[in-house]
């Protein structure tokens, strides 16, 4: 049970990180333009966070279907 709570907490934290990084990306794009190095780096960071989230989603889905 402790593992489930930990996984859920980690997923919530990752969701919050994605939302914050999205806000940062929008701000950077508005202030520096879409081709600025800072904006591009932030976009790549956001991509990595989303990939982590999606990988975690696949694991969760697999466990769910495996139980059924």
N, C-alpha and C. Protein backbone atom coordinates (compact mmCIF):
# COMPACT_ATOMS: atom_id res chain seq x y z
N UNK A 1 0.82 -1.20 0.00
CA UNK A 1 0.00 0.00 0.00
C UNK A 1 0.86 1.26 0.00
N UNK A 2 1.93 1.23 0.72
CA UNK A 2 2.82 2.38 0.76
C UNK A 2 3.39 2.68 -0.62
N UNK A 3 3.65 1.65 -1.39
CA UNK A 3 4.18 1.82 -2.74
C UNK A 3 3.17 2.55 -3.62
N UNK A 4 1.91 2.21 -3.52
CA UNK A 4 0.87 2.86 -4.33
C UNK A 4 0.79 4.35 -4.01
N UNK A 5 0.83 4.69 -2.74
CA UNK A 5 0.78 6.09 -2.34
C UNK A 5 2.00 6.83 -2.86
N UNK A 6 3.14 6.20 -2.78
CA UNK A 6 4.37 6.80 -3.27
C UNK A 6 4.30 7.02 -4.78
N UNK A 7 3.79 6.03 -5.51
CA UNK A 7 3.66 6.17 -6.96
C UNK A 7 2.69 7.29 -7.31
N UNK A 8 1.59 7.37 -6.58
CA UNK A 8 0.61 8.42 -6.83
C UNK A 8 1.20 9.79 -6.53
N UNK A 9 1.92 9.91 -5.44
CA UNK A 9 2.57 11.18 -5.08
C UNK A 9 3.57 11.59 -6.14
N UNK A 10 4.32 10.63 -6.64
CA UNK A 10 5.31 10.92 -7.67
C UNK A 10 4.62 11.39 -8.96
N UNK A 11 3.51 10.76 -9.30
CA UNK A 11 2.77 11.13 -10.50
C UNK A 11 2.17 12.54 -10.37
N UNK A 12 1.65 12.86 -9.20
CA UNK A 12 1.10 14.19 -8.95
C UNK A 12 2.21 15.24 -9.04
N UNK A 13 3.35 14.93 -8.43
CA UNK A 13 4.49 15.85 -8.48
C UNK A 13 4.93 16.08 -9.93
N UNK A 14 4.98 15.02 -10.70
CA UNK A 14 5.39 15.13 -12.10
C UNK A 14 4.38 15.97 -12.88
N UNK A 15 3.11 15.82 -12.60
CA UNK A 15 2.07 16.63 -13.25
C UNK A 15 2.26 18.11 -12.94
N UNK A 16 2.57 18.40 -11.69
CA UNK A 16 2.80 19.79 -11.29
C UNK A 16 4.04 20.36 -11.98
N UNK A 17 5.07 19.55 -12.10
CA UNK A 17 6.29 19.98 -12.80
C UNK A 17 5.99 20.30 -14.26
N UNK A 18 5.16 19.47 -14.89
CA UNK A 18 4.80 19.70 -16.29
C UNK A 18 4.03 21.01 -16.43
N UNK A 19 3.09 21.25 -15.55
CA UNK A 19 2.32 22.50 -15.61
C UNK A 19 3.21 23.72 -15.41
N UNK A 20 4.11 23.65 -14.45
CA UNK A 20 5.03 24.77 -14.20
C UNK A 20 5.96 25.00 -15.38
N UNK A 21 6.45 23.92 -15.98
CA UNK A 21 7.36 24.05 -17.12
C UNK A 21 6.62 24.62 -18.33
N UNK A 22 5.35 24.26 -18.49
CA UNK A 22 4.54 24.82 -19.58
C UNK A 22 4.38 26.33 -19.42
N UNK A 23 4.10 26.74 -18.20
CA UNK A 23 3.96 28.18 -17.94
C UNK A 23 5.27 28.90 -18.24
N UNK A 24 6.37 28.30 -17.80
CA UNK A 24 7.69 28.89 -18.06
C UNK A 24 7.95 28.98 -19.56
N UNK A 25 7.58 27.96 -20.29
CA UNK A 25 7.79 27.95 -21.75
C UNK A 25 6.99 29.05 -22.43
N UNK A 26 5.76 29.22 -22.03
CA UNK A 26 4.93 30.29 -22.61
C UNK A 26 5.56 31.65 -22.32
N UNK A 27 5.99 31.87 -21.08
CA UNK A 27 6.62 33.15 -20.72
C UNK A 27 7.88 33.40 -21.53
N UNK A 28 8.72 32.37 -21.64
CA UNK A 28 9.95 32.52 -22.41
C UNK A 28 9.65 32.80 -23.88
N UNK A 29 8.69 32.09 -24.43
CA UNK A 29 8.32 32.31 -25.83
C UNK A 29 7.82 33.71 -26.07
N UNK A 30 7.03 34.23 -25.14
CA UNK A 30 6.50 35.59 -25.28
C UNK A 30 7.60 36.65 -25.12
N UNK A 31 8.52 36.40 -24.21
CA UNK A 31 9.55 37.41 -23.92
C UNK A 31 10.77 37.34 -24.84
N UNK A 32 11.16 36.14 -25.24
CA UNK A 32 12.40 35.99 -26.00
C UNK A 32 12.19 35.49 -27.43
N UNK A 33 11.00 34.99 -27.73
CA UNK A 33 10.73 34.44 -29.06
C UNK A 33 10.91 32.93 -29.05
N UNK A 34 10.33 32.29 -30.06
CA UNK A 34 10.31 30.84 -30.10
C UNK A 34 11.64 30.21 -30.51
N UNK A 35 12.52 30.98 -31.14
CA UNK A 35 13.79 30.44 -31.61
C UNK A 35 14.95 30.73 -30.67
N UNK A 36 14.66 31.37 -29.54
CA UNK A 36 15.71 31.67 -28.56
C UNK A 36 16.19 30.39 -27.89
N UNK A 37 17.48 30.36 -27.55
CA UNK A 37 18.06 29.16 -26.92
C UNK A 37 17.36 28.80 -25.60
N UNK A 38 17.01 29.81 -24.82
CA UNK A 38 16.32 29.55 -23.54
C UNK A 38 14.97 28.89 -23.78
N UNK A 39 14.24 29.37 -24.77
CA UNK A 39 12.93 28.82 -25.08
C UNK A 39 13.05 27.38 -25.58
N UNK A 40 14.00 27.15 -26.45
CA UNK A 40 14.21 25.81 -27.00
C UNK A 40 14.61 24.84 -25.90
N UNK A 41 15.50 25.25 -25.00
CA UNK A 41 15.92 24.38 -23.91
C UNK A 41 14.74 24.05 -22.99
N UNK A 42 13.93 25.04 -22.71
CA UNK A 42 12.76 24.83 -21.86
C UNK A 42 11.79 23.86 -22.53
N UNK A 43 11.62 23.99 -23.84
CA UNK A 43 10.75 23.09 -24.59
C UNK A 43 11.27 21.65 -24.53
N UNK A 44 12.57 21.48 -24.64
CA UNK A 44 13.17 20.15 -24.55
C UNK A 44 13.01 19.57 -23.14
N UNK A 45 13.15 20.42 -22.14
CA UNK A 45 12.93 19.97 -20.75
C UNK A 45 11.48 19.51 -20.56
N UNK A 46 10.55 20.26 -21.12
CA UNK A 46 9.14 19.90 -21.04
C UNK A 46 8.89 18.56 -21.74
N UNK A 47 9.51 18.37 -22.89
CA UNK A 47 9.38 17.10 -23.61
C UNK A 47 9.83 15.93 -22.74
N UNK A 48 10.94 16.11 -22.04
CA UNK A 48 11.46 15.04 -21.17
C UNK A 48 10.49 14.73 -20.04
N UNK A 49 9.92 15.76 -19.45
CA UNK A 49 8.95 15.56 -18.36
C UNK A 49 7.71 14.82 -18.87
N UNK A 50 7.24 15.21 -20.05
CA UNK A 50 6.06 14.55 -20.62
C UNK A 50 6.37 13.10 -20.95
N UNK A 51 7.57 12.83 -21.46
CA UNK A 51 7.97 11.45 -21.75
C UNK A 51 8.00 10.61 -20.48
N UNK A 52 8.52 11.16 -19.40
CA UNK A 52 8.52 10.44 -18.12
C UNK A 52 7.09 10.13 -17.67
N UNK A 53 6.23 11.11 -17.81
CA UNK A 53 4.83 10.94 -17.41
C UNK A 53 4.16 9.84 -18.25
N UNK A 54 4.42 9.87 -19.54
CA UNK A 54 3.82 8.87 -20.44
C UNK A 54 4.37 7.48 -20.17
N UNK A 55 5.66 7.37 -19.88
CA UNK A 55 6.24 6.07 -19.55
C UNK A 55 5.58 5.51 -18.29
N UNK A 56 5.38 6.38 -17.32
CA UNK A 56 4.72 5.96 -16.08
C UNK A 56 3.29 5.54 -16.36
N UNK A 57 2.61 6.23 -17.26
CA UNK A 57 1.24 5.88 -17.62
C UNK A 57 1.17 4.50 -18.25
N UNK A 58 2.12 4.19 -19.10
CA UNK A 58 2.14 2.87 -19.75
C UNK A 58 2.33 1.77 -18.72
N UNK A 59 3.20 1.99 -17.75
CA UNK A 59 3.41 1.00 -16.70
C UNK A 59 2.13 0.78 -15.90
N UNK A 60 1.46 1.86 -15.58
CA UNK A 60 0.23 1.78 -14.80
C UNK A 60 -0.86 1.05 -15.59
N UNK A 61 -0.99 1.38 -16.87
CA UNK A 61 -1.99 0.72 -17.71
C UNK A 61 -1.69 -0.77 -17.80
N UNK A 62 -0.43 -1.11 -17.97
CA UNK A 62 -0.05 -2.51 -18.10
C UNK A 62 -0.41 -3.28 -16.84
N UNK A 63 -0.11 -2.71 -15.69
CA UNK A 63 -0.43 -3.36 -14.43
C UNK A 63 -1.94 -3.53 -14.29
N UNK A 64 -2.67 -2.52 -14.69
CA UNK A 64 -4.13 -2.56 -14.59
C UNK A 64 -4.69 -3.70 -15.44
N UNK A 65 -4.24 -3.78 -16.69
CA UNK A 65 -4.76 -4.80 -17.59
C UNK A 65 -4.26 -6.19 -17.17
N UNK A 66 -3.07 -6.25 -16.61
CA UNK A 66 -2.54 -7.53 -16.18
C UNK A 66 -3.37 -8.10 -15.03
N UNK A 67 -3.85 -7.24 -14.16
CA UNK A 67 -4.66 -7.67 -13.01
C UNK A 67 -5.99 -8.22 -13.49
N UNK A 68 -6.57 -7.63 -14.52
CA UNK A 68 -7.86 -8.08 -15.02
C UNK A 68 -7.69 -9.45 -15.61
